[in-house]
N, C-alpha and C. Protein backbone atom coordinates (compact mmCIF):
# COMPACT_ATOMS: atom_id res chain seq x y z
N MET A 1 0.84 -1.51 0.06
CA MET A 1 0.32 0.03 0.26
C MET A 1 0.84 1.50 -0.21
N ASP A 2 0.58 2.41 -0.55
CA ASP A 2 1.37 3.54 -0.93
C ASP A 2 0.27 4.79 -0.52
N TYR A 3 0.76 5.22 0.28
CA TYR A 3 0.24 6.57 1.24
C TYR A 3 0.83 7.94 0.79
N ARG A 4 -0.01 9.00 -0.29
CA ARG A 4 1.00 9.66 -0.52
C ARG A 4 -0.14 10.46 -0.82
N TYR A 5 0.08 11.91 -1.23
CA TYR A 5 -0.87 12.74 -2.21
C TYR A 5 -1.54 12.66 -3.27
N ALA A 6 -2.66 12.60 -3.00
CA ALA A 6 -3.76 12.57 -4.18
C ALA A 6 -3.17 12.77 -5.88
N THR A 7 -3.57 12.11 -6.83
CA THR A 7 -2.98 12.98 -8.48
C THR A 7 -4.21 13.24 -8.43
N GLN A 8 -4.24 13.92 -10.30
CA GLN A 8 -5.69 13.59 -11.20
C GLN A 8 -6.36 12.57 -11.25
N ALA A 9 -4.98 11.41 -11.74
CA ALA A 9 -5.98 9.86 -11.88
C ALA A 9 -6.36 9.17 -10.41
N ASP A 10 -6.30 9.97 -9.78
CA ASP A 10 -7.13 9.10 -8.58
C ASP A 10 -7.90 9.91 -8.19
N VAL A 11 -8.82 10.95 -8.78
CA VAL A 11 -9.93 11.67 -8.55
C VAL A 11 -10.88 10.49 -8.57
N ALA A 12 -11.09 9.98 -9.85
CA ALA A 12 -12.48 9.07 -10.27
C ALA A 12 -12.40 8.21 -8.97
N GLY A 13 -11.20 7.38 -8.93
CA GLY A 13 -11.79 6.28 -7.96
C GLY A 13 -12.12 7.12 -6.37
N MET A 14 -11.69 8.73 -6.14
CA MET A 14 -11.96 8.88 -4.53
C MET A 14 -13.45 9.36 -5.16
N ALA A 15 -13.99 9.57 -5.90
CA ALA A 15 -15.49 10.91 -6.47
C ALA A 15 -16.29 9.19 -5.54
N ALA A 16 -15.89 8.36 -6.13
CA ALA A 16 -16.68 7.10 -6.11
C ALA A 16 -16.65 6.38 -4.94
N LEU A 17 -15.37 6.31 -4.20
CA LEU A 17 -15.22 6.17 -2.71
C LEU A 17 -16.07 6.60 -1.56
N PHE A 18 -15.98 7.84 -1.92
CA PHE A 18 -16.66 8.68 -1.35
C PHE A 18 -18.82 9.03 -1.48
N ALA A 19 -18.68 8.58 -2.57
CA ALA A 19 -19.92 8.32 -3.27
C ALA A 19 -20.86 7.19 -1.96
N ALA A 20 -20.00 6.39 -2.49
CA ALA A 20 -20.50 4.75 -2.06
C ALA A 20 -20.77 5.21 -0.21
N SER A 21 -19.42 5.77 0.72
CA SER A 21 -19.82 6.01 2.19
C SER A 21 -20.94 7.13 2.02
N HIS A 22 -21.19 7.57 1.39
CA HIS A 22 -21.97 9.18 1.61
C HIS A 22 -23.38 8.77 2.92
N ARG A 23 -23.45 9.70 3.83
CA ARG A 23 -24.70 9.51 4.36
C ARG A 23 -26.09 9.72 3.59
N ASP A 24 -25.99 10.32 3.08
CA ASP A 24 -27.38 10.21 2.02
C ASP A 24 -27.70 8.42 1.44
N VAL A 25 -27.05 8.21 1.37
CA VAL A 25 -26.81 6.55 0.33
C VAL A 25 -27.02 5.51 1.25
N LEU A 26 -26.73 5.86 2.59
CA LEU A 26 -26.78 4.35 3.06
C LEU A 26 -27.74 4.28 4.12
N THR A 27 -28.02 3.17 4.42
CA THR A 27 -29.42 2.95 5.69
C THR A 27 -29.27 3.10 6.72
N GLU A 28 -29.89 3.55 7.89
CA GLU A 28 -29.30 4.14 9.19
C GLU A 28 -27.89 3.00 9.90
N ARG A 29 -29.08 1.77 9.35
CA ARG A 29 -28.09 0.95 9.84
C ARG A 29 -26.97 0.92 9.21
N GLN A 30 -26.17 0.89 7.93
CA GLN A 30 -25.58 0.73 7.91
C GLN A 30 -24.91 2.36 8.60
N ARG A 31 -25.44 3.31 8.19
CA ARG A 31 -24.82 4.39 9.32
C ARG A 31 -24.07 3.74 10.77
N ALA A 32 -25.03 3.40 11.10
CA ALA A 32 -24.42 2.71 13.04
C ALA A 32 -23.28 1.95 12.53
N GLU A 33 -23.15 1.08 11.70
CA GLU A 33 -22.36 -0.06 11.87
C GLU A 33 -21.19 0.83 11.01
N GLN A 34 -20.77 1.35 9.87
CA GLN A 34 -19.50 1.67 9.32
C GLN A 34 -19.86 3.17 9.23
N GLY A 35 -20.25 3.88 10.04
CA GLY A 35 -20.09 5.09 9.89
C GLY A 35 -20.01 5.66 8.54
N PHE A 36 -19.95 7.56 8.59
CA PHE A 36 -20.30 7.80 7.32
C PHE A 36 -19.55 9.12 6.88
N VAL A 37 -19.76 9.07 5.75
CA VAL A 37 -19.16 10.86 5.12
C VAL A 37 -20.05 11.68 4.76
N GLN A 38 -19.95 12.79 4.41
CA GLN A 38 -21.28 14.02 4.25
C GLN A 38 -20.33 15.39 3.60
N GLY A 39 -21.82 16.38 2.66
CA GLY A 39 -20.36 17.04 2.11
C GLY A 39 -20.79 16.96 0.76
N ALA A 40 -20.25 17.22 -0.22
CA ALA A 40 -20.49 17.86 -1.61
C ALA A 40 -18.60 17.43 -2.25
N PHE A 41 -18.69 16.66 -2.55
CA PHE A 41 -17.24 16.04 -3.05
C PHE A 41 -17.24 14.95 -3.99
N GLY A 42 -17.85 15.69 -5.22
CA GLY A 42 -17.59 14.77 -6.83
C GLY A 42 -16.60 14.79 -7.02
N VAL A 43 -16.46 14.89 -8.23
CA VAL A 43 -15.10 14.49 -9.07
C VAL A 43 -14.57 15.74 -9.66
N ALA A 44 -15.08 17.32 -10.08
CA ALA A 44 -14.86 18.53 -9.38
C ALA A 44 -14.27 18.89 -8.56
N GLU A 45 -14.85 18.70 -7.40
CA GLU A 45 -14.39 19.03 -5.95
C GLU A 45 -13.13 18.56 -5.73
N LEU A 46 -13.37 17.24 -6.02
CA LEU A 46 -11.71 16.90 -5.47
C LEU A 46 -10.74 17.05 -6.91
N GLY A 47 -11.17 16.78 -8.00
CA GLY A 47 -9.92 17.33 -9.22
C GLY A 47 -9.33 19.21 -8.52
N VAL A 48 -9.94 20.01 -7.73
CA VAL A 48 -10.00 21.16 -7.08
C VAL A 48 -8.69 20.82 -6.20
N MET A 49 -9.58 19.78 -5.16
CA MET A 49 -8.58 19.86 -4.22
C MET A 49 -7.51 19.09 -4.49
N THR A 50 -7.51 18.17 -5.30
CA THR A 50 -5.66 17.73 -5.74
C THR A 50 -4.84 18.16 -6.17
N GLU A 51 -5.63 19.36 -7.22
CA GLU A 51 -4.87 20.59 -7.78
C GLU A 51 -4.24 21.52 -6.31
N ALA A 52 -4.52 21.42 -5.43
CA ALA A 52 -4.57 22.40 -4.62
C ALA A 52 -3.73 21.62 -3.22
N GLY A 53 -3.37 20.32 -2.89
CA GLY A 53 -2.61 19.70 -2.42
C GLY A 53 -3.46 18.75 -1.14
N GLN A 54 -4.97 18.83 -1.32
CA GLN A 54 -5.20 19.03 -0.16
C GLN A 54 -5.92 17.46 0.13
N LEU A 55 -5.59 16.76 -0.51
CA LEU A 55 -6.03 14.88 -0.17
C LEU A 55 -4.56 14.04 -0.37
N LEU A 56 -5.14 13.23 1.04
CA LEU A 56 -4.13 11.92 0.73
C LEU A 56 -5.03 10.97 0.33
N VAL A 57 -4.16 9.63 0.11
CA VAL A 57 -4.07 8.58 -0.65
C VAL A 57 -3.90 7.75 0.00
N ALA A 58 -4.82 5.97 0.20
CA ALA A 58 -4.46 5.07 -0.11
C ALA A 58 -4.12 4.30 -0.75
N ASP A 59 -3.14 4.00 -1.54
CA ASP A 59 -3.84 3.30 -2.83
C ASP A 59 -3.00 2.10 -3.05
N ASP A 60 -3.91 1.20 -3.45
CA ASP A 60 -3.41 -0.72 -3.63
C ASP A 60 -3.23 -0.34 -5.07
N ALA A 61 -1.68 -0.53 -5.59
CA ALA A 61 -1.67 -0.54 -7.04
C ALA A 61 -2.53 -0.55 -7.60
N GLY A 62 -3.07 1.08 -7.77
CA GLY A 62 -4.19 1.66 -8.50
C GLY A 62 -5.46 1.84 -7.73
N ARG A 63 -5.90 0.95 -7.31
CA ARG A 63 -7.05 1.31 -6.52
C ARG A 63 -6.42 2.21 -5.16
N VAL A 64 -7.64 3.25 -5.52
CA VAL A 64 -8.35 3.92 -4.29
C VAL A 64 -8.56 3.45 -2.92
N ALA A 65 -8.10 3.14 -1.99
CA ALA A 65 -8.67 2.38 -0.94
C ALA A 65 -8.47 2.59 0.47
N GLY A 66 -8.60 4.05 0.41
CA GLY A 66 -8.52 5.15 1.49
C GLY A 66 -8.44 6.59 1.08
N LEU A 67 -8.85 7.95 1.19
CA LEU A 67 -8.27 8.76 1.29
C LEU A 67 -9.09 9.69 2.51
N LEU A 68 -8.38 10.72 2.69
CA LEU A 68 -8.60 12.10 3.81
C LEU A 68 -8.10 12.98 3.32
N ALA A 69 -8.60 14.48 3.23
CA ALA A 69 -8.91 15.63 2.86
C ALA A 69 -7.54 16.75 4.47
N LEU A 70 -6.54 17.13 4.11
CA LEU A 70 -5.99 17.67 5.10
C LEU A 70 -5.59 19.00 4.55
N CYS A 71 -6.58 20.16 5.16
CA CYS A 71 -6.57 21.56 4.47
C CYS A 71 -6.30 22.27 5.10
N VAL A 72 -6.06 23.68 5.31
CA VAL A 72 -6.81 24.99 5.42
C VAL A 72 -7.60 25.06 5.85
N PRO A 73 -8.74 25.55 6.17
CA PRO A 73 -10.41 24.92 6.67
C PRO A 73 -10.99 26.42 5.86
N GLU A 74 -10.22 27.60 5.75
CA GLU A 74 -10.74 28.26 5.44
C GLU A 74 -10.96 27.83 4.21
N ASP A 75 -10.20 27.81 2.77
CA ASP A 75 -9.41 27.54 1.55
C ASP A 75 -10.45 26.30 1.22
N VAL A 76 -11.69 25.35 1.49
CA VAL A 76 -12.34 24.86 1.30
C VAL A 76 -13.57 25.59 0.50
N PRO A 77 -13.23 25.18 -0.88
CA PRO A 77 -14.52 25.51 -1.49
C PRO A 77 -15.78 25.22 -0.83
N SER A 78 -16.62 26.08 -0.96
CA SER A 78 -18.11 26.25 -0.66
C SER A 78 -18.77 24.99 0.60
N PRO A 79 -17.93 25.72 1.36
CA PRO A 79 -17.79 24.90 3.00
C PRO A 79 -19.45 24.60 3.46
N PRO A 80 -19.12 23.07 3.21
CA PRO A 80 -20.72 22.50 4.32
C PRO A 80 -20.89 23.44 5.36
N PRO A 81 -22.12 23.11 5.86
CA PRO A 81 -22.66 24.05 7.14
C PRO A 81 -22.24 22.70 8.58
N PRO A 82 -21.29 22.00 8.69
CA PRO A 82 -20.78 22.09 9.88
C PRO A 82 -19.48 22.28 9.90
N LEU A 83 -18.72 22.70 8.65
CA LEU A 83 -17.63 23.38 8.31
C LEU A 83 -17.68 24.58 9.16
N VAL A 84 -18.94 25.59 8.51
CA VAL A 84 -18.91 26.88 8.74
C VAL A 84 -19.50 26.69 10.84
N GLY A 85 -20.55 25.66 10.75
CA GLY A 85 -19.96 26.22 12.21
C GLY A 85 -19.12 26.04 13.14
N LEU A 86 -17.95 25.01 12.98
CA LEU A 86 -16.67 24.93 13.50
C LEU A 86 -16.56 26.09 13.14
N LEU A 87 -15.84 26.49 11.94
CA LEU A 87 -15.44 28.24 12.20
C LEU A 87 -16.08 29.00 12.74
N GLU A 88 -17.69 28.84 12.97
CA GLU A 88 -17.93 30.23 14.29
C GLU A 88 -17.73 29.46 15.79
N ALA A 89 -17.52 28.72 15.79
CA ALA A 89 -17.97 27.73 17.12
C ALA A 89 -16.10 28.34 17.71
N GLN A 90 -15.58 28.63 17.18
CA GLN A 90 -13.68 28.77 17.29
C GLN A 90 -13.46 29.07 18.67
N ARG A 91 -14.73 30.00 19.27
CA ARG A 91 -13.90 31.11 20.45
C ARG A 91 -14.49 30.39 21.53
N SER A 92 -15.50 28.93 21.40
CA SER A 92 -15.89 28.27 22.52
C SER A 92 -14.52 27.42 22.63
N LEU A 93 -14.77 26.83 21.27
CA LEU A 93 -13.52 24.79 21.34
C LEU A 93 -12.51 25.74 22.02
N GLU A 94 -12.12 24.59 23.13
CA GLU A 94 -10.68 25.15 23.21
C GLU A 94 -9.83 23.41 23.36
N TRP A 95 -8.79 24.19 22.59
CA TRP A 95 -7.13 23.19 22.51
C TRP A 95 -6.25 23.21 23.43
N ARG A 96 -5.75 22.66 24.22
CA ARG A 96 -4.94 22.92 25.29
C ARG A 96 -5.12 24.33 26.07
N GLY A 97 -6.39 24.32 26.34
CA GLY A 97 -6.51 26.12 27.11
C GLY A 97 -6.97 27.31 26.78
N ARG A 98 -6.53 26.93 25.11
CA ARG A 98 -6.84 27.71 24.32
C ARG A 98 -7.88 27.96 23.37
N PRO A 99 -8.52 28.82 22.84
CA PRO A 99 -9.35 28.98 22.08
C PRO A 99 -9.25 28.60 21.02
N LEU A 100 -9.53 27.95 20.21
CA LEU A 100 -9.45 27.17 18.87
C LEU A 100 -8.87 28.23 18.08
N ILE A 101 -10.02 29.80 18.13
CA ILE A 101 -9.08 30.26 17.14
C ILE A 101 -7.80 31.19 17.34
N GLU A 102 -7.49 30.53 18.21
CA GLU A 102 -6.07 31.20 18.58
C GLU A 102 -5.41 30.21 17.62
N VAL A 103 -5.41 29.24 17.74
CA VAL A 103 -4.46 28.04 17.51
C VAL A 103 -4.47 28.03 16.00
N ARG A 104 -2.97 27.51 15.45
CA ARG A 104 -2.83 27.48 14.05
C ARG A 104 -3.42 26.01 13.60
N TRP A 105 -4.18 26.16 13.24
CA TRP A 105 -5.35 24.36 12.99
C TRP A 105 -5.03 24.26 11.41
N LEU A 106 -5.35 23.13 10.85
CA LEU A 106 -5.81 22.47 9.52
C LEU A 106 -6.82 21.09 10.09
N LEU A 107 -7.98 21.28 8.33
CA LEU A 107 -9.22 20.49 8.88
C LEU A 107 -8.58 19.45 8.37
N TYR A 108 -8.83 18.16 9.52
CA TYR A 108 -8.71 17.02 8.70
C TYR A 108 -10.04 16.47 8.55
N GLY A 109 -10.36 15.84 6.99
CA GLY A 109 -11.16 14.97 7.13
C GLY A 109 -12.42 15.52 6.03
N PRO A 110 -13.05 15.29 5.20
CA PRO A 110 -13.73 13.68 6.08
C PRO A 110 -12.53 12.39 5.10
N VAL A 111 -12.49 11.24 5.51
CA VAL A 111 -11.50 10.14 5.91
C VAL A 111 -13.26 9.58 5.58
N VAL A 112 -12.80 8.14 4.61
CA VAL A 112 -13.36 7.21 4.02
C VAL A 112 -12.05 5.92 3.68
N VAL A 113 -11.96 5.22 4.31
CA VAL A 113 -12.12 3.65 3.90
C VAL A 113 -12.59 2.82 3.15
N ASP A 114 -12.24 2.19 1.53
CA ASP A 114 -13.40 1.20 1.34
C ASP A 114 -13.58 0.18 1.92
N ALA A 115 -14.54 -0.46 1.81
CA ALA A 115 -15.12 -1.56 2.59
C ALA A 115 -14.02 -2.58 2.62
N ALA A 116 -14.01 -2.51 1.39
CA ALA A 116 -12.65 -4.42 1.62
C ALA A 116 -11.26 -3.76 2.09
N TYR A 117 -10.94 -2.60 2.59
CA TYR A 117 -9.73 -2.32 3.24
C TYR A 117 -10.20 -1.83 5.12
N ARG A 118 -11.00 -1.89 5.24
CA ARG A 118 -11.51 -1.61 6.38
C ARG A 118 -11.36 -2.57 7.79
N GLY A 119 -10.73 -1.89 8.40
CA GLY A 119 -9.10 -3.12 10.01
C GLY A 119 -8.52 -3.97 9.60
N ARG A 120 -7.60 -2.97 8.10
CA ARG A 120 -6.17 -3.41 8.01
C ARG A 120 -6.01 -2.28 8.12
N GLY A 121 -5.51 -1.09 9.08
CA GLY A 121 -4.67 0.00 8.95
C GLY A 121 -4.54 1.29 8.45
N VAL A 122 -5.64 0.86 7.45
CA VAL A 122 -5.49 2.27 6.19
C VAL A 122 -6.10 3.37 6.62
N ALA A 123 -6.93 3.78 7.79
CA ALA A 123 -7.43 4.74 8.47
C ALA A 123 -6.15 5.24 9.34
N ARG A 124 -5.32 4.70 9.59
CA ARG A 124 -4.22 4.36 10.80
C ARG A 124 -3.33 5.18 9.96
N GLU A 125 -3.36 4.83 8.64
CA GLU A 125 -1.67 4.83 8.16
C GLU A 125 -2.15 6.41 7.69
N LEU A 126 -3.60 7.13 7.49
CA LEU A 126 -3.51 7.47 6.51
C LEU A 126 -3.72 9.03 7.57
N PHE A 127 -3.63 9.33 9.18
CA PHE A 127 -4.08 9.77 9.64
C PHE A 127 -2.42 9.74 10.60
N THR A 128 -1.72 8.99 10.93
CA THR A 128 0.17 9.20 11.17
C THR A 128 0.08 10.20 9.72
N LEU A 129 0.18 9.65 8.44
CA LEU A 129 0.79 10.86 7.19
C LEU A 129 -0.30 12.32 7.79
N ALA A 130 -1.36 12.50 7.65
CA ALA A 130 -2.14 13.88 8.06
C ALA A 130 -1.19 14.34 9.20
N ILE A 131 -1.15 13.86 9.96
CA ILE A 131 0.30 14.38 11.50
C ILE A 131 1.36 14.73 10.76
N ARG A 132 1.91 13.77 10.25
CA ARG A 132 3.14 14.26 9.69
C ARG A 132 3.25 15.27 8.58
N GLU A 133 2.14 15.60 7.97
CA GLU A 133 2.31 16.34 7.09
C GLU A 133 2.07 18.06 7.39
N ALA A 134 0.91 18.13 8.36
CA ALA A 134 0.80 19.46 9.81
C ALA A 134 1.51 19.45 9.79
N ALA A 135 3.02 18.43 10.49
CA ALA A 135 4.22 19.26 10.88
C ALA A 135 4.29 20.45 10.63
N GLY A 136 4.64 22.21 11.54
CA GLY A 136 5.44 22.90 10.84
C GLY A 136 4.41 23.79 10.38
N ARG A 137 3.05 23.34 9.62
CA ARG A 137 1.97 23.85 9.35
C ARG A 137 1.24 24.43 10.32
N ALA A 138 0.85 23.58 11.33
CA ALA A 138 -0.08 23.71 12.18
C ALA A 138 0.06 23.15 13.59
N ASP A 139 -0.43 23.24 14.29
CA ASP A 139 -0.11 22.99 15.73
C ASP A 139 -1.30 21.61 16.20
N ALA A 140 -2.34 21.99 15.14
CA ALA A 140 -3.92 20.47 15.55
C ALA A 140 -4.10 20.59 14.21
N VAL A 141 -4.83 19.04 13.97
CA VAL A 141 -5.58 18.85 13.12
C VAL A 141 -7.02 18.82 14.09
N VAL A 142 -7.74 19.46 13.41
CA VAL A 142 -8.96 19.59 13.65
C VAL A 142 -10.41 18.83 13.15
N ALA A 143 -11.59 17.69 13.50
CA ALA A 143 -12.19 17.02 12.43
C ALA A 143 -13.82 17.34 13.71
N PHE A 144 -14.26 17.19 12.58
CA PHE A 144 -15.88 17.52 13.27
C PHE A 144 -16.29 16.07 12.82
N ILE A 145 -17.29 15.39 14.11
CA ILE A 145 -18.14 14.62 13.69
C ILE A 145 -19.70 14.47 14.54
N GLU A 146 -20.18 14.15 13.51
CA GLU A 146 -21.93 14.13 13.78
C GLU A 146 -22.19 13.32 14.80
N ALA A 147 -22.72 14.02 15.71
CA ALA A 147 -23.62 12.93 16.89
C ALA A 147 -24.41 12.18 15.91
N GLY A 148 -23.93 10.46 16.98
CA GLY A 148 -24.67 9.38 16.05
C GLY A 148 -23.32 9.02 15.37
N ASN A 149 -22.71 9.24 14.81
CA ASN A 149 -21.41 8.38 14.10
C ASN A 149 -20.04 7.98 14.63
N VAL A 150 -20.79 6.97 15.83
CA VAL A 150 -19.72 5.88 16.69
C VAL A 150 -18.96 5.66 16.21
N PRO A 151 -18.59 5.01 14.81
CA PRO A 151 -17.74 4.59 14.25
C PRO A 151 -16.92 5.82 13.67
N SER A 152 -16.96 6.32 13.41
CA SER A 152 -15.96 7.27 13.22
C SER A 152 -15.37 7.71 14.54
N TRP A 153 -16.40 8.22 15.68
CA TRP A 153 -16.10 8.58 17.06
C TRP A 153 -14.74 7.49 17.43
N ARG A 154 -15.14 6.27 17.38
CA ARG A 154 -14.63 5.16 17.69
C ARG A 154 -12.90 5.53 17.30
N VAL A 155 -13.20 5.03 16.13
CA VAL A 155 -12.13 5.37 15.37
C VAL A 155 -11.23 6.29 15.80
N HIS A 156 -11.57 7.35 16.09
CA HIS A 156 -10.49 8.65 15.96
C HIS A 156 -10.15 9.42 17.22
N VAL A 157 -11.12 9.18 17.84
CA VAL A 157 -11.10 9.30 19.75
C VAL A 157 -10.67 8.19 20.11
N ASP A 158 -11.55 7.12 20.34
CA ASP A 158 -10.24 5.74 20.89
C ASP A 158 -9.66 5.39 20.55
N GLY A 159 -10.09 5.30 18.91
CA GLY A 159 -8.49 4.18 18.58
C GLY A 159 -7.64 5.02 18.47
N PHE A 160 -7.25 6.64 17.98
CA PHE A 160 -6.36 7.53 17.17
C PHE A 160 -5.82 8.70 18.30
N GLY A 161 -7.14 8.49 19.63
CA GLY A 161 -6.68 9.60 20.56
C GLY A 161 -7.09 11.19 20.59
N MET A 162 -7.53 11.34 19.47
CA MET A 162 -8.00 12.93 19.26
C MET A 162 -9.00 12.98 20.52
N SER A 163 -8.89 14.18 21.08
CA SER A 163 -9.30 14.94 21.95
C SER A 163 -10.24 15.31 21.80
N PRO A 164 -11.78 15.69 21.98
CA PRO A 164 -12.44 15.94 21.67
C PRO A 164 -12.22 17.71 22.54
N LEU A 165 -13.10 18.13 21.74
CA LEU A 165 -13.02 20.00 22.05
C LEU A 165 -14.50 20.35 22.70
N GLY A 166 -15.42 19.82 21.89
CA GLY A 166 -16.59 20.48 22.25
C GLY A 166 -17.48 20.17 21.24
N GLU A 167 -19.09 20.43 22.26
CA GLU A 167 -19.83 20.22 20.41
C GLU A 167 -20.26 21.36 20.18
N TYR A 168 -21.11 21.52 19.15
CA TYR A 168 -21.76 22.65 18.45
C TYR A 168 -22.69 22.44 17.54
N VAL A 169 -23.61 22.69 17.04
CA VAL A 169 -25.11 22.49 16.04
C VAL A 169 -24.51 23.54 14.84
N ALA A 170 -24.93 23.02 13.86
CA ALA A 170 -25.18 23.29 12.05
C ALA A 170 -26.21 22.46 11.85
N GLY A 171 -26.62 23.28 10.76
CA GLY A 171 -27.92 22.61 9.90
C GLY A 171 -28.82 21.82 10.81
N GLY A 172 -28.93 22.13 11.75
CA GLY A 172 -30.10 21.21 12.62
C GLY A 172 -29.57 19.90 13.38
N ARG A 173 -28.40 20.04 13.32
CA ARG A 173 -27.39 18.41 13.06
C ARG A 173 -25.86 18.42 14.54
N THR A 174 -26.26 18.02 15.40
CA THR A 174 -24.70 18.36 16.51
C THR A 174 -23.82 17.62 16.29
N TYR A 175 -22.62 18.52 16.17
CA TYR A 175 -21.13 17.92 16.05
C TYR A 175 -20.41 17.98 16.72
N SER A 176 -19.52 16.95 17.61
CA SER A 176 -18.02 17.29 18.00
C SER A 176 -17.07 17.92 17.34
N ALA A 177 -16.62 18.63 17.88
CA ALA A 177 -15.20 18.57 17.39
C ALA A 177 -13.65 18.21 18.08
N VAL A 178 -13.22 17.31 16.99
CA VAL A 178 -11.75 17.00 17.61
C VAL A 178 -10.28 17.31 17.37
N ALA A 179 -9.36 16.74 18.19
CA ALA A 179 -8.23 17.73 17.73
C ALA A 179 -7.32 16.35 17.80
N ALA A 180 -5.91 16.56 17.08
CA ALA A 180 -4.99 15.69 17.62
C ALA A 180 -3.39 17.08 17.65
N PRO A 181 -2.62 16.96 18.34
CA PRO A 181 -1.91 17.67 17.98
C PRO A 181 -0.73 17.10 16.06
N ALA A 182 -0.45 18.25 15.74
CA ALA A 182 0.37 17.35 14.77
C ALA A 182 1.99 17.78 15.22
């Protein structure tokens, strides 16, 4: 498995992987068992993000096994409501005793792993790469997890040790902000 920045050759595979794991296409049971991603990340959006160096991939001999976005939050084109809510909540969320608004941070996520590769360390390797790539650019990486996305919480908080920063509401849904040191 090769863990690296995405190229334009990865865009179609990333779009298919993202679409297959989107909140709106999964049943309630599937969301509860495997987690989900949200937002509009089609070929056009992923192409722009790839060109900007904002996407990391797990590449298994040309097959996209996983992807993770890592970027400056203000650089996200057409930010979805959860990101807008996170940016608005920065004064009330704390990272290591400081308001998040005073911290240099990068947005971590979405992250998605192909069903055939889950449980094989792909998410952990993408997380490790993201932390390494964020070093020097930020003090922390910050993600948001929708309430009820228990699989994502288990992976990021219980598994990777990301720290909860607090909750906020956006678009009528509740989210937890979580962070890890870069």
